[in-house]
Amino acid sequence: MKDILRRLLEAEEAGRQEAAGLEAAGEELLRQAAAERDALVAQIQLETARQVDELTRETTVRVEDEREAIIRSAAEAVQRLRTEAASRRPAAIDRVVAILLGEAAA
C-alpha cells in the first residue's frame, strides 16, 4: 500500500514537472510568436512608409508637370492675345482717325 501511494505521489510529481515544462515551452512559443509579429509589423510599416514616399514623389512630379503645362499654356494664350491685339490696332486707329476726320469735316 505504501508502495502504491509512493508511486502515485511520484507520478503526480512527474506530471507536475511535465506540465511545468510544457507551460514553459508554450510561453516560449508565445514569446517567439510575439517577436515574429513585431518584426512583421515593423517590416510592413517600413514598406508602407517607402510606398507613401514613392507615391508622394510621383504625385509631386505630376503636379509640377501639370503646373508647368498650365503656365506654358497661359503664356501662349497671352502671346496670342497680344499678337491679335497688335494686328487689330492699325485698323482701329484708322477707324478712329476716320471718325475724327469725319467729325472735323462736319
Foldseek 3Di string as FASTA:
>chain_A
DVVVVVVVVVVVVVVVVVVVVVVVVVVVVVVVVVVVVVVVVVVVVVVVVVVVVVVVVVVVVVVVVVVVVVVVVVVVVVVVVVVVCVVCVVVVVVVVVVVVVVVVVD
